[in-house]
Amino acid sequence: MGAGLGSRLVAAAPSAKSIRGVFPIMATPFTESKEVDFDDLVKEVDFLDRCGVHGMVWPQLASEYWLLKKEERLRGMELLARAAKGRRPALVLGVQGPNIDAMLEYARYAEKLEPDAMIAIPPTEAKTLDDFLNYYRALARITKRPIFVQTSGGAKGIDPKIEALVELAREFPNCAYVKEEYAPIIERMKELTQHRPPIRGIFSGAHGKGWTYELRLGCDGTCPGAPLSDVYVRIWDLYQAGKKAEALDVFSKLMLLVNLDSQIPGVFQYLMKRRGVFKTTVSRQRERMYTPEAAEEIEFNFAAVKPFLFRGQATKSPN
């Protein structure tokens, strides 16, 4: 457990799918009685595929993973692996746990399902940076699939230092994809870009609020929420085509809705139903109640991004 960095070298397995682009964190749908709606979870795979995403990730913080029972997480992973088979987007399964043993239980199950990659939020029971690193070492020892190291969501007070992430990537070349959410984010991303290789991928979270800046820095992708995935794909495609001004225009309209969630919590659940993906706006995290005024404001902002959707939207609002 206490092995020093650089003590073990493991070759990375080649990934059949590119780990680059728009990798939304899938939302978890719930019934009116707050049971996981596995039918809608599977339907979300089809929605994201039609949005043109490059990958899809479940379960993570935006999936309310900490409110899911172990059996729900395992069943969800199995169903998603089956639904994603043969589709274009890469499937990334979240295997985090509070400690190494809990994480490995999910990781071993995920490995049997043969996802394209895995991701793990840091351990909440870690006491030191070495605990943080040993957790990812343990994961990297049981799989050669690409591993995303998330820098947020774990135990407080542990600084995932850039030099430690770089050395971890040298030790385990598959453990070289960073979902960077630890402040100062932009400064850390700049530093990570100076370490290619061994760092292979730099992704953002936080709904991609700094994404146009991150793209100029040469970052590899973002992990936003699911309901506007096609709009993120449009921004990516425009930027890759050199149409940066157009990408910025779409991004500015997208941010109207992203920022609105801080005034009207539940915008993303509203949109998943609004677009016909989920049957409800139910969350286990908090009650979702939309006043007529709140729904009108969401609709007003949603209208700005309609030209960038892969298809139309649900014929009526969730209320």
Protein backbone atom coordinates (compact mmCIF):
# COMPACT_ATOMS: atom_id res chain seq x y z
CA MET A 1 0.00 0.00 0.00
CA GLY A 2 2.83 2.39 0.71
CA ALA A 3 4.84 1.76 -2.43
CA GLY A 4 6.62 4.85 -3.68
CA LEU A 5 5.73 6.56 -6.93
CA GLY A 6 7.49 5.14 -9.91
CA SER A 7 8.04 1.75 -8.23
CA ARG A 8 5.89 -0.14 -10.74
CA LEU A 9 5.53 0.34 -14.48
CA VAL A 10 2.45 -1.01 -16.24
CA ALA A 11 1.80 -0.67 -19.96
CA ALA A 12 -1.46 0.97 -20.91
CA ALA A 13 -3.87 -1.01 -23.02
CA PRO A 14 -4.82 0.75 -26.25
CA SER A 15 -8.35 2.14 -26.15
CA ALA A 16 -10.62 1.10 -29.00
CA LYS A 17 -12.44 4.43 -28.75
CA SER A 18 -11.02 7.92 -28.48
CA ILE A 19 -11.03 9.38 -24.99
CA ARG A 20 -11.55 12.92 -26.17
CA GLY A 21 -14.48 15.28 -26.61
CA VAL A 22 -17.86 15.56 -24.86
CA PHE A 23 -18.34 12.97 -22.11
CA PRO A 24 -21.59 13.86 -20.27
CA ILE A 25 -22.26 12.68 -16.75
CA MET A 26 -25.50 10.76 -17.12
CA ALA A 27 -28.40 11.76 -14.91
CA THR A 28 -30.19 9.09 -12.89
CA PRO A 29 -33.96 8.96 -13.55
CA PHE A 30 -36.39 8.24 -10.73
CA THR A 31 -40.04 7.26 -10.60
CA GLU A 32 -42.60 9.28 -8.66
CA SER A 33 -41.91 6.98 -5.70
CA LYS A 34 -38.16 7.71 -6.01
CA GLU A 35 -37.17 4.30 -7.29
CA VAL A 36 -34.53 4.20 -10.01
CA ASP A 37 -36.22 4.11 -13.41
CA PHE A 38 -33.91 1.70 -15.21
CA ASP A 39 -35.94 1.89 -18.41
CA ASP A 40 -35.29 5.64 -18.65
CA LEU A 41 -31.63 5.11 -17.74
CA VAL A 42 -31.27 2.83 -20.76
CA LYS A 43 -33.20 5.31 -22.90
CA GLU A 44 -30.66 7.96 -21.94
CA VAL A 45 -28.00 5.99 -23.81
CA ASP A 46 -29.96 6.34 -27.04
CA PHE A 47 -30.52 10.05 -26.38
CA LEU A 48 -26.82 10.72 -25.82
CA ASP A 49 -25.84 8.67 -28.86
CA ARG A 50 -28.17 10.75 -31.03
CA CYS A 51 -26.71 13.90 -29.47
CA GLY A 52 -23.38 12.86 -31.00
CA VAL A 53 -21.43 12.63 -27.74
CA HIS A 54 -18.02 11.00 -27.69
CA GLY A 55 -18.53 9.28 -24.35
CA MET A 56 -20.95 8.88 -21.45
CA VAL A 57 -20.23 8.49 -17.76
CA TRP A 58 -22.29 6.91 -14.93
CA PRO A 59 -22.65 7.15 -11.99
CA GLN A 60 -20.99 10.31 -10.68
CA LEU A 61 -21.94 13.34 -8.59
CA ALA A 62 -24.45 14.62 -11.17
CA SER A 63 -25.95 11.10 -11.14
CA GLU A 64 -26.65 11.40 -7.37
CA TYR A 65 -24.47 8.31 -6.98
CA TRP A 66 -24.14 8.69 -3.19
CA LEU A 67 -27.90 8.20 -2.88
CA LEU A 68 -27.89 4.97 -4.88
CA LYS A 69 -27.86 1.58 -3.21
CA LYS A 70 -25.06 -0.80 -4.14
CA GLU A 71 -27.51 -3.07 -5.93
CA GLU A 72 -28.83 -0.12 -7.95
CA ARG A 73 -25.32 0.89 -9.02
CA LEU A 74 -24.43 -2.65 -10.07
CA ARG A 75 -27.65 -3.18 -12.00
CA GLY A 76 -27.32 0.22 -13.65
CA MET A 77 -23.78 -0.53 -14.77
CA GLU A 78 -24.85 -3.87 -16.22
CA LEU A 79 -27.78 -2.38 -18.12
CA LEU A 80 -25.69 0.48 -19.48
CA ALA A 81 -22.93 -1.87 -20.62
CA ARG A 82 -25.52 -3.85 -22.54
CA ALA A 83 -27.20 -0.75 -24.00
CA ALA A 84 -23.91 0.88 -25.01
CA LYS A 85 -22.52 -2.17 -26.76
CA GLY A 86 -21.95 -1.50 -30.44
CA ARG A 87 -22.66 2.21 -30.15
CA ARG A 88 -20.24 4.99 -31.05
CA PRO A 89 -19.80 6.71 -27.64
CA ALA A 90 -17.30 5.34 -25.15
CA LEU A 91 -18.84 4.06 -21.91
CA VAL A 92 -17.10 5.16 -18.72
CA LEU A 93 -18.26 3.47 -15.52
CA GLY A 94 -17.87 5.18 -12.15
CA VAL A 95 -16.37 2.83 -9.55
CA GLN A 96 -15.71 5.17 -6.62
CA GLY A 97 -16.06 4.12 -3.01
CA PRO A 98 -15.17 5.65 0.35
CA ASN A 99 -12.06 3.49 0.57
CA ILE A 100 -9.98 1.08 -1.50
CA ASP A 101 -11.93 -2.06 -0.64
CA ALA A 102 -15.30 -0.50 -1.50
CA MET A 103 -13.94 0.93 -4.74
CA LEU A 104 -12.43 -2.39 -5.78
CA GLU A 105 -15.77 -4.17 -5.35
CA TYR A 106 -17.32 -1.87 -7.94
CA ALA A 107 -14.21 -1.91 -10.14
CA ARG A 108 -14.02 -5.69 -10.34
CA TYR A 109 -17.69 -5.84 -11.28
CA ALA A 110 -17.19 -3.11 -13.89
CA GLU A 111 -14.15 -4.87 -15.36
CA LYS A 112 -16.30 -7.90 -16.17
CA LEU A 113 -18.68 -5.65 -18.10
CA GLU A 114 -15.84 -4.44 -20.36
CA PRO A 115 -16.48 -0.68 -20.43
CA ASP A 116 -14.24 1.55 -22.50
CA ALA A 117 -12.88 3.31 -19.41
CA MET A 118 -13.43 3.82 -15.69
CA ILE A 119 -13.56 6.87 -13.45
CA ALA A 120 -13.36 7.19 -9.69
CA ILE A 121 -14.11 10.10 -7.40
CA PRO A 122 -11.38 10.24 -4.70
CA PRO A 123 -11.89 8.27 -1.48
CA THR A 124 -13.79 10.16 1.21
CA GLU A 125 -11.97 8.23 3.94
CA ALA A 126 -8.46 9.20 2.78
CA LYS A 127 -6.29 10.90 5.39
CA THR A 128 -3.24 11.73 3.31
CA LEU A 129 -2.15 12.28 -0.28
CA ASP A 130 -0.58 8.82 -0.15
CA ASP A 131 -4.02 7.35 0.66
CA PHE A 132 -5.38 9.20 -2.38
CA LEU A 133 -2.64 7.83 -4.63
CA ASN A 134 -2.83 4.26 -3.30
CA TYR A 135 -6.55 4.22 -4.08
CA TYR A 136 -5.86 4.92 -7.77
CA ARG A 137 -2.89 2.54 -7.79
CA ALA A 138 -5.19 -0.22 -6.56
CA LEU A 139 -7.62 0.53 -9.37
CA ALA A 140 -4.87 0.66 -12.00
CA ARG A 141 -3.57 -2.74 -10.90
CA ILE A 142 -6.83 -4.53 -11.77
CA THR A 143 -7.51 -2.97 -15.18
CA LYS A 144 -5.60 -1.76 -18.21
CA ARG A 145 -8.54 0.32 -19.37
CA PRO A 146 -8.16 4.12 -19.33
CA ILE A 147 -8.79 5.55 -15.86
CA PHE A 148 -10.01 9.06 -15.10
CA VAL A 149 -8.61 10.50 -11.88
CA GLN A 150 -11.09 13.04 -10.54
CA THR A 151 -9.56 15.72 -8.35
CA SER A 152 -12.70 16.73 -6.44
CA GLY A 153 -15.37 15.08 -4.32
CA GLY A 154 -13.14 13.14 -1.95
CA ALA A 155 -11.86 13.78 1.56
CA LYS A 156 -11.41 17.44 2.43
CA GLY A 157 -7.97 18.92 2.94
CA ILE A 158 -6.10 16.65 0.52
CA ASP A 159 -4.37 18.55 -2.28
CA PRO A 160 -4.02 16.32 -5.38
CA LYS A 161 -0.72 17.88 -6.37
CA ILE A 162 0.07 18.04 -10.08
CA GLU A 163 3.46 16.40 -9.62
CA ALA A 164 1.77 13.48 -7.86
CA LEU A 165 -0.74 13.04 -10.70
CA VAL A 166 2.09 13.12 -13.22
CA GLU A 167 4.09 10.50 -11.36
CA LEU A 168 0.97 8.34 -11.01
CA ALA A 169 0.53 8.52 -14.79
CA ARG A 170 4.17 7.52 -15.28
CA GLU A 171 3.73 4.58 -12.94
CA PHE A 172 0.46 3.44 -14.56
CA PRO A 173 0.12 4.85 -18.11
CA ASN A 174 -3.59 3.97 -18.24
CA CYS A 175 -4.17 6.15 -15.15
CA ALA A 176 -3.34 9.30 -17.10
CA TYR A 177 -6.72 11.01 -17.66
CA VAL A 178 -7.54 13.83 -15.26
CA LYS A 179 -10.99 15.29 -14.59
CA GLU A 180 -9.75 18.56 -13.15
CA GLU A 181 -12.03 20.31 -10.66
CA TYR A 182 -9.59 21.34 -7.95
CA ALA A 183 -8.99 25.09 -7.61
CA PRO A 184 -7.29 26.95 -9.16
CA ILE A 185 -8.63 24.93 -12.08
CA ILE A 186 -7.31 26.90 -15.04
CA GLU A 187 -3.84 27.22 -13.55
CA ARG A 188 -3.75 23.49 -12.85
CA MET A 189 -4.91 22.70 -16.38
CA LYS A 190 -2.15 24.88 -17.81
CA GLU A 191 0.38 22.98 -15.74
CA LEU A 192 -1.04 19.60 -16.74
CA THR A 193 -0.70 20.47 -20.42
CA GLN A 194 3.05 20.82 -19.84
CA HIS A 195 3.24 17.13 -18.90
CA ARG A 196 2.16 15.41 -22.15
CA PRO A 197 3.19 12.64 -21.91
CA PRO A 198 2.67 11.03 -19.46
CA ILE A 199 -0.65 12.92 -19.03
CA ARG A 200 -2.95 11.74 -21.83
CA GLY A 201 -6.22 13.55 -21.22
CA ILE A 202 -7.37 16.70 -19.40
CA PHE A 203 -11.11 17.14 -18.89
CA SER A 204 -13.24 19.66 -17.02
CA GLY A 205 -16.43 19.32 -15.02
CA ALA A 206 -18.68 22.01 -13.50
CA HIS A 207 -20.96 21.96 -16.57
CA GLY A 208 -18.06 23.15 -18.73
CA LYS A 209 -18.40 26.74 -17.48
CA GLY A 210 -14.87 27.55 -18.60
CA TRP A 211 -14.85 25.33 -21.65
CA THR A 212 -14.03 27.84 -24.40
CA TYR A 213 -11.02 28.96 -22.36
CA GLU A 214 -10.07 25.34 -21.69
CA LEU A 215 -10.27 24.54 -25.41
CA ARG A 216 -7.82 27.35 -26.14
CA LEU A 217 -5.49 25.80 -23.59
CA GLY A 218 -5.57 22.54 -25.54
CA CYS A 219 -7.64 20.51 -23.10
CA ASP A 220 -9.20 17.29 -24.31
CA GLY A 221 -12.83 17.48 -23.33
CA THR A 222 -15.49 18.18 -20.76
CA CYS A 223 -17.93 16.20 -18.62
CA PRO A 224 -21.11 18.30 -18.47
CA GLY A 225 -24.61 17.39 -17.44
CA ALA A 226 -26.65 15.33 -19.89
CA PRO A 227 -29.69 17.37 -21.02
CA LEU A 228 -27.87 19.73 -23.41
CA SER A 229 -25.23 17.32 -24.65
CA ASP A 230 -25.91 18.09 -28.30
CA VAL A 231 -25.21 21.78 -27.67
CA TYR A 232 -21.83 20.91 -26.16
CA VAL A 233 -21.13 18.72 -29.18
CA ARG A 234 -22.00 21.63 -31.48
CA ILE A 235 -19.48 23.84 -29.63
CA TRP A 236 -16.82 21.11 -29.88
CA ASP A 237 -17.43 20.60 -33.60
CA LEU A 238 -17.33 24.32 -34.36
CA TYR A 239 -14.13 24.79 -32.39
CA GLN A 240 -12.43 21.83 -34.04
CA ALA A 241 -13.41 23.29 -37.43
CA GLY A 242 -11.70 26.57 -36.53
CA LYS A 243 -15.02 28.44 -36.18
CA LYS A 244 -14.17 29.87 -32.78
CA ALA A 245 -16.43 32.92 -32.95
CA GLU A 246 -19.43 30.71 -33.76
CA ALA A 247 -18.48 28.34 -30.95
CA LEU A 248 -18.37 31.26 -28.54
CA ASP A 249 -21.82 32.43 -29.64
CA VAL A 250 -23.37 29.00 -28.99
CA PHE A 251 -21.49 28.76 -25.69
CA SER A 252 -22.88 32.09 -24.49
CA LYS A 253 -26.45 30.91 -25.10
CA LEU A 254 -25.76 27.58 -23.39
CA MET A 255 -24.47 29.34 -20.29
CA LEU A 256 -27.80 31.13 -19.86
CA LEU A 257 -29.35 27.79 -18.92
CA VAL A 258 -26.37 26.49 -16.97
CA ASN A 259 -26.24 29.62 -14.81
CA LEU A 260 -30.02 29.58 -14.35
CA ASP A 261 -29.72 26.39 -12.29
CA SER A 262 -28.26 28.44 -9.43
CA GLN A 263 -31.48 30.50 -9.34
CA ILE A 264 -33.88 27.67 -10.15
CA PRO A 265 -32.41 24.41 -8.82
CA GLY A 266 -33.56 21.52 -10.96
CA VAL A 267 -33.17 23.06 -14.42
CA PHE A 268 -31.40 19.94 -15.65
CA GLN A 269 -34.08 17.55 -14.37
CA TYR A 270 -36.69 19.79 -15.97
CA LEU A 271 -34.89 19.61 -19.30
CA MET A 272 -34.49 15.83 -19.23
CA LYS A 273 -38.27 15.55 -19.04
CA ARG A 274 -38.81 18.50 -21.35
CA ARG A 275 -36.82 16.72 -24.05
CA GLY A 276 -38.72 13.47 -23.61
CA VAL A 277 -35.88 11.44 -22.10
CA PHE A 278 -37.25 11.01 -18.55
CA LYS A 279 -40.83 10.59 -17.40
CA THR A 280 -40.38 12.66 -14.23
CA THR A 281 -38.29 15.46 -12.74
CA VAL A 282 -37.90 13.53 -9.48
CA SER A 283 -34.63 13.68 -7.56
CA ARG A 284 -33.56 11.94 -4.37
CA GLN A 285 -31.36 14.88 -3.48
CA ARG A 286 -34.12 17.47 -3.12
CA GLU A 287 -37.72 18.09 -3.98
CA ARG A 288 -38.24 19.69 -7.39
CA MET A 289 -41.13 22.16 -7.54
CA TYR A 290 -41.40 24.51 -10.48
CA THR A 291 -43.61 27.55 -10.16
CA PRO A 292 -45.24 28.85 -13.35
CA GLU A 293 -42.77 31.76 -13.26
CA ALA A 294 -39.79 29.40 -12.94
CA ALA A 295 -40.97 27.21 -15.80
CA GLU A 296 -41.51 30.28 -17.97
CA GLU A 297 -37.95 31.46 -17.28
CA ILE A 298 -36.48 28.06 -18.13
CA GLU A 299 -38.47 27.99 -21.36
CA PHE A 300 -37.36 31.52 -22.25
CA ASN A 301 -33.69 30.55 -21.93
CA PHE A 302 -34.20 27.14 -23.54
CA ALA A 303 -35.50 28.85 -26.67
CA ALA A 304 -32.02 30.34 -27.26
CA VAL A 305 -30.42 26.90 -27.72
CA LYS A 306 -33.18 25.21 -29.74
CA PRO A 307 -31.40 25.87 -33.06
CA PHE A 308 -28.47 23.77 -31.83
CA LEU A 309 -30.39 20.66 -30.73
CA PHE A 310 -30.06 17.44 -32.74
CA ARG A 311 -33.83 17.22 -32.91
CA GLY A 312 -36.84 19.06 -31.57
CA GLN A 313 -37.99 18.94 -27.98
CA ALA A 314 -40.88 17.51 -26.06
CA THR A 315 -44.16 18.96 -27.23
CA LYS A 316 -45.06 20.36 -23.80
CA SER A 317 -43.34 21.42 -20.61
CA PRO A 318 -43.02 19.07 -17.61
CA ASN A 319 -45.64 20.93 -15.56
